[in-house]
Amino acid sequence: MHGNFPHTTKHKGGKLKKTIEELIRERKEYDEKYWEHKSSREEWVDHMLWHIGKAAGKVCTYAEELHHKGGNPSPEIMIKEVAPDLIVYSLQLLNLYPKLKEMIDTRVTLLDVQKGHNHRNLSPAILTLKSVRKLLIKAEGELEAENIFSPTRSYRALQTSGSYIANLFKQDLNGLYERRLIAMASLNETKKKVHQVSF
C-alpha cells in the first residue's frame, strides 16, 4: 500500500512528495481493500456525503468554541482528522469520476495545491473556518446533483478546504494525509482480526 512510485517528486528539505496521480492509485488500492460502501457509485457518494457532513460538524464545533470569549479549543481533531479526511474524499471522487482527471493536473503534489491556496491573509482564524464551512456545504450540494461538473466543483472545494485547514495550523498536508492513511489502515486491520476471531 505504501510502495514506491516512479513519478514521486522531491521538494525542498529533501522530502519525497507523491503526485496527485500517485495518491489516486494509492487511494484506489486502499479503498478496494477497506471501503465497505462500494456496491455502486451512488451508494459510495451517498455515504461520502455523510462523512463530509461529519467533517463540517467538526469544523463548526471547533469554530464555535473558538468564537467564545477566551476560547482555546484543541486543534487535534482538525489536524489529525478533518484536513486529511477532506483529501481522502477528494481522491475518492477522482477514482469515482474518471473524467475529472482530464480536468485537473494530476502531476502536481498536495504541497503544490496547498501553495496555490495559501490564505494567510484570511485572519482571524474564524474567517478561514467560515470559508471551510461554506466550501463543505457547497461540496455536499454539488454532489447531491451528481453530474460531471458538480463533482469537479466538489473536488476543488474539498481540496481547498483541506489546504485552508493545513495552512491555518501550519501543517504539512502531505504528512497529515499519510499519517491518517496509516492510522486508518491499522484500525481496519484490527477490525478484521476481531471479526475473524468472533466467528
Protein backbone atom coordinates (compact mmCIF):
# COMPACT_ATOMS: atom_id res chain seq x y z
CA MET A 1 0.00 0.00 0.00
CA HIS A 2 2.93 2.32 0.63
CA GLY A 3 5.17 1.16 -2.20
CA ASN A 4 7.44 3.27 -4.35
CA PHE A 5 6.00 5.09 -7.35
CA PRO A 6 8.04 6.14 -10.38
CA HIS A 7 6.97 9.80 -10.54
CA THR A 8 7.42 10.81 -6.89
CA THR A 9 8.88 14.32 -6.79
CA LYS A 10 11.43 15.80 -4.42
CA HIS A 11 10.84 19.19 -2.79
CA LYS A 12 12.92 21.49 -0.62
CA GLY A 13 14.06 19.80 2.55
CA GLY A 14 14.72 16.53 0.71
CA LYS A 15 11.29 15.03 1.42
CA LEU A 16 9.61 12.91 -1.22
CA LYS A 17 6.13 14.09 -2.13
CA LYS A 18 3.69 11.96 -4.08
CA THR A 19 1.87 13.46 -7.03
CA ILE A 20 -1.93 13.54 -7.11
CA GLU A 21 -1.74 10.74 -9.68
CA GLU A 22 0.20 8.55 -7.25
CA LEU A 23 -2.16 9.36 -4.39
CA ILE A 24 -5.13 8.42 -6.61
CA ARG A 25 -3.63 4.99 -7.24
CA GLU A 26 -2.78 4.50 -3.59
CA ARG A 27 -6.29 5.56 -2.59
CA LYS A 28 -7.84 3.10 -5.03
CA GLU A 29 -5.79 0.24 -3.58
CA TYR A 30 -6.79 1.22 -0.06
CA ASP A 31 -10.49 1.55 -0.86
CA GLU A 32 -10.60 -1.76 -2.72
CA LYS A 33 -9.34 -3.37 0.47
CA TYR A 34 -11.24 -1.47 3.16
CA TRP A 35 -14.09 0.76 1.86
CA GLU A 36 -17.39 -1.02 2.60
CA HIS A 37 -19.90 1.13 0.69
CA LYS A 38 -18.95 0.38 -2.91
CA SER A 39 -21.75 -1.71 -4.42
CA SER A 40 -22.44 1.25 -6.73
CA ARG A 41 -21.15 4.75 -7.32
CA GLU A 42 -24.44 6.10 -5.94
CA GLU A 43 -24.01 4.21 -2.66
CA TRP A 44 -20.40 5.35 -2.42
CA VAL A 45 -21.25 9.02 -2.97
CA ASP A 46 -24.23 8.81 -0.61
CA HIS A 47 -22.06 7.51 2.21
CA MET A 48 -19.33 10.03 1.42
CA LEU A 49 -21.90 12.83 1.85
CA TRP A 50 -22.47 11.75 5.45
CA HIS A 51 -18.73 11.83 6.07
CA ILE A 52 -18.43 15.31 4.56
CA GLY A 53 -21.30 16.40 6.82
CA LYS A 54 -19.46 14.98 9.84
CA ALA A 55 -16.33 16.91 8.84
CA ALA A 56 -18.37 20.12 8.53
CA GLY A 57 -19.76 19.47 12.01
CA LYS A 58 -16.26 19.13 13.45
CA VAL A 59 -15.27 22.43 11.82
CA CYS A 60 -18.32 24.15 13.29
CA THR A 61 -17.69 22.67 16.76
CA TYR A 62 -14.10 23.94 16.74
CA ALA A 63 -15.11 27.35 15.37
CA GLU A 64 -17.94 27.74 17.89
CA GLU A 65 -15.58 27.02 20.80
CA LEU A 66 -13.01 29.40 19.31
CA HIS A 67 -15.68 32.08 18.95
CA HIS A 68 -16.37 32.11 22.68
CA LYS A 69 -14.52 34.77 24.65
CA GLY A 70 -11.23 33.24 25.73
CA GLY A 71 -12.00 30.05 23.82
CA ASN A 72 -8.92 27.94 23.22
CA PRO A 73 -10.05 24.57 21.82
CA SER A 74 -7.57 21.84 20.94
CA PRO A 75 -6.88 21.72 17.19
CA GLU A 76 -6.08 17.99 17.33
CA ILE A 77 -9.24 16.76 15.55
CA MET A 78 -8.93 19.46 12.88
CA ILE A 79 -5.31 18.49 12.21
CA LYS A 80 -5.45 14.70 12.57
CA GLU A 81 -8.91 14.04 11.15
CA VAL A 82 -10.64 16.86 9.27
CA ALA A 83 -7.89 18.13 6.94
CA PRO A 84 -6.64 14.68 5.81
CA ASP A 85 -10.18 13.26 5.55
CA LEU A 86 -11.13 16.00 3.10
CA ILE A 87 -8.22 14.91 0.92
CA VAL A 88 -9.48 11.31 1.21
CA TYR A 89 -12.88 12.30 -0.21
CA SER A 90 -11.35 14.39 -2.99
CA LEU A 91 -9.16 11.46 -4.08
CA GLN A 92 -12.15 9.12 -3.95
CA LEU A 93 -14.02 11.46 -6.28
CA LEU A 94 -11.16 11.27 -8.76
CA ASN A 95 -11.47 7.49 -8.77
CA LEU A 96 -15.27 7.54 -8.97
CA TYR A 97 -15.39 10.03 -11.85
CA PRO A 98 -12.52 9.23 -14.26
CA LYS A 99 -13.34 12.27 -16.43
CA LEU A 100 -12.34 14.50 -13.51
CA LYS A 101 -8.73 13.51 -14.10
CA GLU A 102 -8.91 15.18 -17.50
CA MET A 103 -9.85 18.48 -15.87
CA ILE A 104 -7.01 18.74 -13.35
CA ASP A 105 -3.23 18.41 -13.39
CA THR A 106 -2.59 15.12 -11.60
CA ARG A 107 1.18 15.68 -11.87
CA VAL A 108 1.14 18.20 -9.02
CA THR A 109 1.50 17.30 -5.34
CA LEU A 110 -0.62 18.25 -2.36
CA LEU A 111 2.19 20.66 -1.49
CA ASP A 112 1.61 22.45 -4.81
CA VAL A 113 -2.14 22.55 -4.17
CA GLN A 114 -1.53 23.89 -0.70
CA LYS A 115 0.70 26.67 -2.01
CA GLY A 116 -1.93 27.53 -4.55
CA HIS A 117 -4.49 28.15 -1.82
CA ASN A 118 -2.41 29.96 0.76
CA HIS A 119 -4.76 32.26 2.64
CA ARG A 120 -2.56 33.66 5.38
CA ASN A 121 -4.34 36.98 4.93
CA LEU A 122 -7.63 35.39 5.97
CA SER A 123 -7.36 36.24 9.64
CA PRO A 124 -8.58 35.87 12.26
CA ALA A 125 -8.84 32.08 12.13
CA ILE A 126 -12.61 32.22 12.38
CA LEU A 127 -12.79 33.71 8.87
CA THR A 128 -10.85 30.78 7.44
CA LEU A 129 -13.15 28.33 9.22
CA LYS A 130 -16.21 30.12 7.85
CA SER A 131 -14.75 29.69 4.39
CA VAL A 132 -14.20 25.98 5.04
CA ARG A 133 -17.76 25.56 6.29
CA LYS A 134 -19.16 27.26 3.18
CA LEU A 135 -16.97 25.15 0.89
CA LEU A 136 -18.08 21.90 2.56
CA ILE A 137 -21.74 22.89 2.24
CA LYS A 138 -21.03 23.63 -1.43
CA ALA A 139 -19.34 20.24 -1.88
CA GLU A 140 -22.36 18.47 -0.40
CA GLY A 141 -24.80 20.41 -2.56
CA GLU A 142 -22.86 19.80 -5.75
CA LEU A 143 -22.51 16.09 -5.09
CA GLU A 144 -26.25 15.78 -4.44
CA ALA A 145 -26.78 16.98 -8.02
CA GLU A 146 -24.21 14.41 -9.23
CA ASN A 147 -23.22 15.26 -12.76
CA ILE A 148 -19.71 15.52 -14.13
CA PHE A 149 -19.49 19.26 -13.47
CA SER A 150 -20.75 19.05 -9.90
CA PRO A 151 -18.10 16.51 -8.81
CA THR A 152 -15.47 18.81 -10.30
CA ARG A 153 -16.55 21.67 -8.06
CA SER A 154 -16.88 19.31 -5.10
CA TYR A 155 -13.35 18.03 -5.65
CA ARG A 156 -11.96 21.57 -5.69
CA ALA A 157 -13.95 22.56 -2.60
CA LEU A 158 -12.64 19.55 -0.65
CA GLN A 159 -9.02 20.08 -1.75
CA THR A 160 -9.19 23.79 -0.96
CA SER A 161 -10.77 23.17 2.45
CA GLY A 162 -8.05 20.70 3.39
CA SER A 163 -5.42 23.23 2.31
CA TYR A 164 -7.07 26.05 4.28
CA ILE A 165 -7.01 23.97 7.47
CA ALA A 166 -3.41 22.80 6.95
CA ASN A 167 -2.30 26.40 6.41
CA LEU A 168 -4.30 27.65 9.39
CA PHE A 169 -2.45 25.30 11.73
CA LYS A 170 0.86 25.50 9.82
CA GLN A 171 0.81 21.79 8.98
CA ASP A 172 2.17 19.79 6.04
CA LEU A 173 -0.91 18.44 4.26
CA ASN A 174 1.10 15.58 2.73
CA GLY A 175 2.22 14.40 6.15
CA LEU A 176 -1.27 14.72 7.61
CA TYR A 177 -2.73 12.59 4.84
CA GLU A 178 -0.03 9.90 5.04
CA ARG A 179 -0.38 9.59 8.83
CA ARG A 180 -4.17 9.39 8.54
CA LEU A 181 -3.89 6.67 5.90
CA ILE A 182 -1.58 4.58 8.08
CA ALA A 183 -3.77 5.07 11.17
CA MET A 184 -6.96 4.08 9.33
CA ALA A 185 -5.28 1.02 7.75
CA SER A 186 -4.15 -0.09 11.19
CA LEU A 187 -7.66 0.40 12.59
CA ASN A 188 -9.23 -1.55 9.73
CA GLU A 189 -6.77 -4.42 10.11
CA THR A 190 -7.64 -4.59 13.82
CA LYS A 191 -11.36 -4.69 12.97
CA LYS A 192 -10.76 -7.54 10.51
CA LYS A 193 -8.89 -9.58 13.15
CA VAL A 194 -11.63 -9.01 15.73
CA HIS A 195 -14.25 -10.05 13.17
CA GLN A 196 -12.33 -13.22 12.31
CA VAL A 197 -11.94 -14.16 15.99
CA SER A 198 -15.65 -13.64 16.67
CA PHE A 199 -16.62 -16.38 14.16
